[in-house]
Amino acid sequence: VLFGYFIIIPFSINFLSNYIISGSIENNIHFISFIKTVSTIIITSGILFQLPVFIYFLTKFNFVNSQQLKQYRRHAFVSILLVASVLTPPDIFSQILIAVPIVILYEFSIFISFLTLRSE
């Protein structure tokens, strides 16, 4: 949640407030639209950062293992980029800002899965 609030939101709001289609069209940012954008980014970043915990429980209940996570790593990267593009404003920098930590968390999840299987 803190990552979304302190890192992603300032870049997203800066992009959206400075986005200009033409000089004759002015940006009117409504308060409700602002709150919706901020709350969506905070909630989704909070949920997405629970990936290692989710993978831990999936490994504990024998739904996945570290070998499967390694095998489908490419698919996971594409899925992460798709999710990041849907959840962030149409700004490539914001998409990368949310995709890179999730990729790191996915790699950490592989390690967590390996440790969970090894401890059993």
C-alpha atoms as a PDB file:
ATOM      1  CA  VAL A   1       0.000   0.000   0.000  1.00  0.00           C
ATOM      2  CA  LEU A   2       2.828   2.392   0.889  1.00  0.00           C
ATOM      3  CA  PHE A   3       4.579   1.678  -2.411  1.00  0.00           C
ATOM      4  CA  GLY A   4       1.422   2.579  -4.303  1.00  0.00           C
ATOM      5  CA  TYR A   5       0.803   5.686  -2.241  1.00  0.00           C
ATOM      6  CA  PHE A   6       4.307   7.151  -2.166  1.00  0.00           C
ATOM      7  CA  ILE A   7       5.787   5.916  -5.468  1.00  0.00           C
ATOM      8  CA  ILE A   8       3.113   5.175  -8.080  1.00  0.00           C
ATOM      9  CA  ILE A   9       0.506   7.806  -7.253  1.00  0.00           C
ATOM     10  CA  PRO A  10       2.802  10.867  -7.530  1.00  0.00           C
ATOM     11  CA  PHE A  11       3.997   9.753 -10.969  1.00  0.00           C
ATOM     12  CA  SER A  12       0.483   8.879 -12.112  1.00  0.00           C
ATOM     13  CA  ILE A  13      -1.064  12.122 -10.915  1.00  0.00           C
ATOM     14  CA  ASN A  14       1.784  14.106 -12.461  1.00  0.00           C
ATOM     15  CA  PHE A  15       1.260  12.351 -15.780  1.00  0.00           C
ATOM     16  CA  LEU A  16      -2.514  12.720 -15.755  1.00  0.00           C
ATOM     17  CA  SER A  17      -2.433  16.386 -14.724  1.00  0.00           C
ATOM     18  CA  ASN A  18       0.123  17.332 -17.394  1.00  0.00           C
ATOM     19  CA  TYR A  19      -1.463  15.301 -20.200  1.00  0.00           C
ATOM     20  CA  ILE A  20      -2.580  17.734 -22.897  1.00  0.00           C
ATOM     21  CA  ILE A  21      -4.371  16.741 -26.089  1.00  0.00           C
ATOM     22  CA  SER A  22      -4.501  20.240 -27.545  1.00  0.00           C
ATOM     23  CA  GLY A  23      -4.321  23.796 -26.318  1.00  0.00           C
ATOM     24  CA  SER A  24      -8.071  24.344 -26.711  1.00  0.00           C
ATOM     25  CA  ILE A  25      -8.997  21.506 -24.342  1.00  0.00           C
ATOM     26  CA  GLU A  26      -8.344  22.064 -20.662  1.00  0.00           C
ATOM     27  CA  ASN A  27      -8.014  19.414 -17.972  1.00  0.00           C
ATOM     28  CA  ASN A  28     -10.815  19.432 -15.427  1.00  0.00           C
ATOM     29  CA  ILE A  29      -9.953  16.934 -12.746  1.00  0.00           C
ATOM     30  CA  HIS A  30     -12.962  16.031 -10.648  1.00  0.00           C
ATOM     31  CA  PHE A  31     -12.453  15.116  -7.033  1.00  0.00           C
ATOM     32  CA  ILE A  32     -14.356  11.817  -7.382  1.00  0.00           C
ATOM     33  CA  SER A  33     -12.208  10.828 -10.371  1.00  0.00           C
ATOM     34  CA  PHE A  34      -9.079  11.661  -8.397  1.00  0.00           C
ATOM     35  CA  ILE A  35     -10.237   9.576  -5.408  1.00  0.00           C
ATOM     36  CA  LYS A  36     -11.165   6.647  -7.668  1.00  0.00           C
ATOM     37  CA  THR A  37      -7.732   6.686  -9.304  1.00  0.00           C
ATOM     38  CA  VAL A  38      -5.881   6.930  -6.002  1.00  0.00           C
ATOM     39  CA  SER A  39      -7.936   4.249  -4.282  1.00  0.00           C
ATOM     40  CA  THR A  40      -7.664   1.864  -7.245  1.00  0.00           C
ATOM     41  CA  ILE A  41      -3.887   2.186  -7.328  1.00  0.00           C
ATOM     42  CA  ILE A  42      -3.552   1.777  -3.546  1.00  0.00           C
ATOM     43  CA  ILE A  43      -5.842  -1.252  -3.323  1.00  0.00           C
ATOM     44  CA  THR A  44      -4.390  -3.055  -6.340  1.00  0.00           C
ATOM     45  CA  SER A  45      -0.793  -2.477  -5.301  1.00  0.00           C
ATOM     46  CA  GLY A  46      -1.659  -3.752  -1.825  1.00  0.00           C
ATOM     47  CA  ILE A  47      -3.248  -6.895  -3.266  1.00  0.00           C
ATOM     48  CA  LEU A  48      -0.512  -7.532  -5.826  1.00  0.00           C
ATOM     49  CA  PHE A  49       2.213  -7.256  -3.215  1.00  0.00           C
ATOM     50  CA  GLN A  50       0.700 -10.247  -1.407  1.00  0.00           C
ATOM     51  CA  LEU A  51       2.071 -12.545  -4.144  1.00  0.00           C
ATOM     52  CA  PRO A  52       4.717 -14.296  -1.977  1.00  0.00           C
ATOM     53  CA  VAL A  53       2.125 -15.069   0.705  1.00  0.00           C
ATOM     54  CA  PHE A  54      -0.264 -16.418  -1.919  1.00  0.00           C
ATOM     55  CA  ILE A  55       2.459 -18.590  -3.482  1.00  0.00           C
ATOM     56  CA  TYR A  56       3.451 -19.845  -0.028  1.00  0.00           C
ATOM     57  CA  PHE A  57      -0.053 -21.157   0.623  1.00  0.00           C
ATOM     58  CA  LEU A  58      -0.367 -22.603  -2.881  1.00  0.00           C
ATOM     59  CA  THR A  59       2.904 -24.452  -2.302  1.00  0.00           C
ATOM     60  CA  LYS A  60       1.869 -25.570   1.175  1.00  0.00           C
ATOM     61  CA  PHE A  61      -1.318 -27.131  -0.215  1.00  0.00           C
ATOM     62  CA  ASN A  62       0.620 -28.733  -3.129  1.00  0.00           C
ATOM     63  CA  PHE A  63      -0.999 -26.729  -5.924  1.00  0.00           C
ATOM     64  CA  VAL A  64       2.317 -25.397  -7.273  1.00  0.00           C
ATOM     65  CA  ASN A  65       6.012 -25.988  -6.722  1.00  0.00           C
ATOM     66  CA  SER A  66       9.152 -24.042  -7.491  1.00  0.00           C
ATOM     67  CA  GLN A  67       9.840 -26.016 -10.681  1.00  0.00           C
ATOM     68  CA  GLN A  68       6.435 -25.080 -12.106  1.00  0.00           C
ATOM     69  CA  LEU A  69       6.988 -21.453 -11.208  1.00  0.00           C
ATOM     70  CA  LYS A  70      10.358 -21.500 -12.968  1.00  0.00           C
ATOM     71  CA  GLN A  71       8.906 -23.280 -15.996  1.00  0.00           C
ATOM     72  CA  TYR A  72       6.121 -20.729 -16.455  1.00  0.00           C
ATOM     73  CA  ARG A  73       8.262 -17.677 -15.667  1.00  0.00           C
ATOM     74  CA  ARG A  74       7.862 -16.193 -19.180  1.00  0.00           C
ATOM     75  CA  HIS A  75       4.094 -16.540 -18.979  1.00  0.00           C
ATOM     76  CA  ALA A  76       4.128 -14.892 -15.575  1.00  0.00           C
ATOM     77  CA  PHE A  77       6.150 -11.936 -16.885  1.00  0.00           C
ATOM     78  CA  VAL A  78       3.693 -11.336 -19.722  1.00  0.00           C
ATOM     79  CA  SER A  79       0.770 -11.673 -17.315  1.00  0.00           C
ATOM     80  CA  ILE A  80       2.382  -9.232 -14.894  1.00  0.00           C
ATOM     81  CA  LEU A  81       2.867  -6.682 -17.672  1.00  0.00           C
ATOM     82  CA  LEU A  82      -0.754  -7.099 -18.769  1.00  0.00           C
ATOM     83  CA  VAL A  83      -2.048  -6.656 -15.233  1.00  0.00           C
ATOM     84  CA  ALA A  84       0.172  -3.612 -14.724  1.00  0.00           C
ATOM     85  CA  SER A  85      -1.072  -2.049 -17.963  1.00  0.00           C
ATOM     86  CA  VAL A  86      -4.703  -2.541 -16.958  1.00  0.00           C
ATOM     87  CA  LEU A  87      -4.289  -1.252 -13.404  1.00  0.00           C
ATOM     88  CA  THR A  88      -2.240   1.866 -14.062  1.00  0.00           C
ATOM     89  CA  PRO A  89      -2.995   5.011 -16.055  1.00  0.00           C
ATOM     90  CA  PRO A  90      -1.949   4.993 -19.729  1.00  0.00           C
ATOM     91  CA  ASP A  91       1.600   5.859 -18.833  1.00  0.00           C
ATOM     92  CA  ILE A  92       4.439   3.448 -19.597  1.00  0.00           C
ATOM     93  CA  PHE A  93       6.485   4.696 -16.653  1.00  0.00           C
ATOM     94  CA  SER A  94       3.706   3.875 -14.164  1.00  0.00           C
ATOM     95  CA  GLN A  95       3.276   0.464 -15.757  1.00  0.00           C
ATOM     96  CA  ILE A  96       6.956  -0.298 -15.383  1.00  0.00           C
ATOM     97  CA  LEU A  97       6.931   1.096 -11.839  1.00  0.00           C
ATOM     98  CA  ILE A  98       4.354  -1.468 -10.797  1.00  0.00           C
ATOM     99  CA  ALA A  99       5.581  -4.347 -13.011  1.00  0.00           C
ATOM    100  CA  VAL A 100       9.222  -4.409 -11.883  1.00  0.00           C
ATOM    101  CA  PRO A 101       8.506  -4.891  -8.154  1.00  0.00           C
ATOM    102  CA  ILE A 102       5.953  -7.588  -8.962  1.00  0.00           C
ATOM    103  CA  VAL A 103       8.504  -9.417 -11.113  1.00  0.00           C
ATOM    104  CA  ILE A 104      10.944  -9.205  -8.202  1.00  0.00           C
ATOM    105  CA  LEU A 105       8.213 -10.517  -5.892  1.00  0.00           C
ATOM    106  CA  TYR A 106       7.561 -13.371  -8.330  1.00  0.00           C
ATOM    107  CA  GLU A 107      11.228 -14.345  -8.207  1.00  0.00           C
ATOM    108  CA  PHE A 108      11.104 -14.111  -4.420  1.00  0.00           C
ATOM    109  CA  SER A 109       8.000 -16.319  -4.517  1.00  0.00           C
ATOM    110  CA  ILE A 110       9.962 -18.983  -6.382  1.00  0.00           C
ATOM    111  CA  PHE A 111      12.518 -18.911  -3.575  1.00  0.00           C
ATOM    112  CA  ILE A 112       9.744 -19.080  -0.939  1.00  0.00           C
ATOM    113  CA  SER A 113       8.228 -22.057  -2.739  1.00  0.00           C
ATOM    114  CA  PHE A 114      11.613 -23.801  -2.810  1.00  0.00           C
ATOM    115  CA  LEU A 115      12.114 -23.222   0.912  1.00  0.00           C
ATOM    116  CA  THR A 116       8.591 -24.403   1.716  1.00  0.00           C
ATOM    117  CA  LEU A 117       9.065 -27.661  -0.173  1.00  0.00           C
ATOM    118  CA  ARG A 118      12.486 -28.185   1.341  1.00  0.00           C
ATOM    119  CA  SER A 119      11.229 -27.769   4.902  1.00  0.00           C
ATOM    120  CA  GLU A 120       8.564 -30.469   4.486  1.00  0.00           C
END
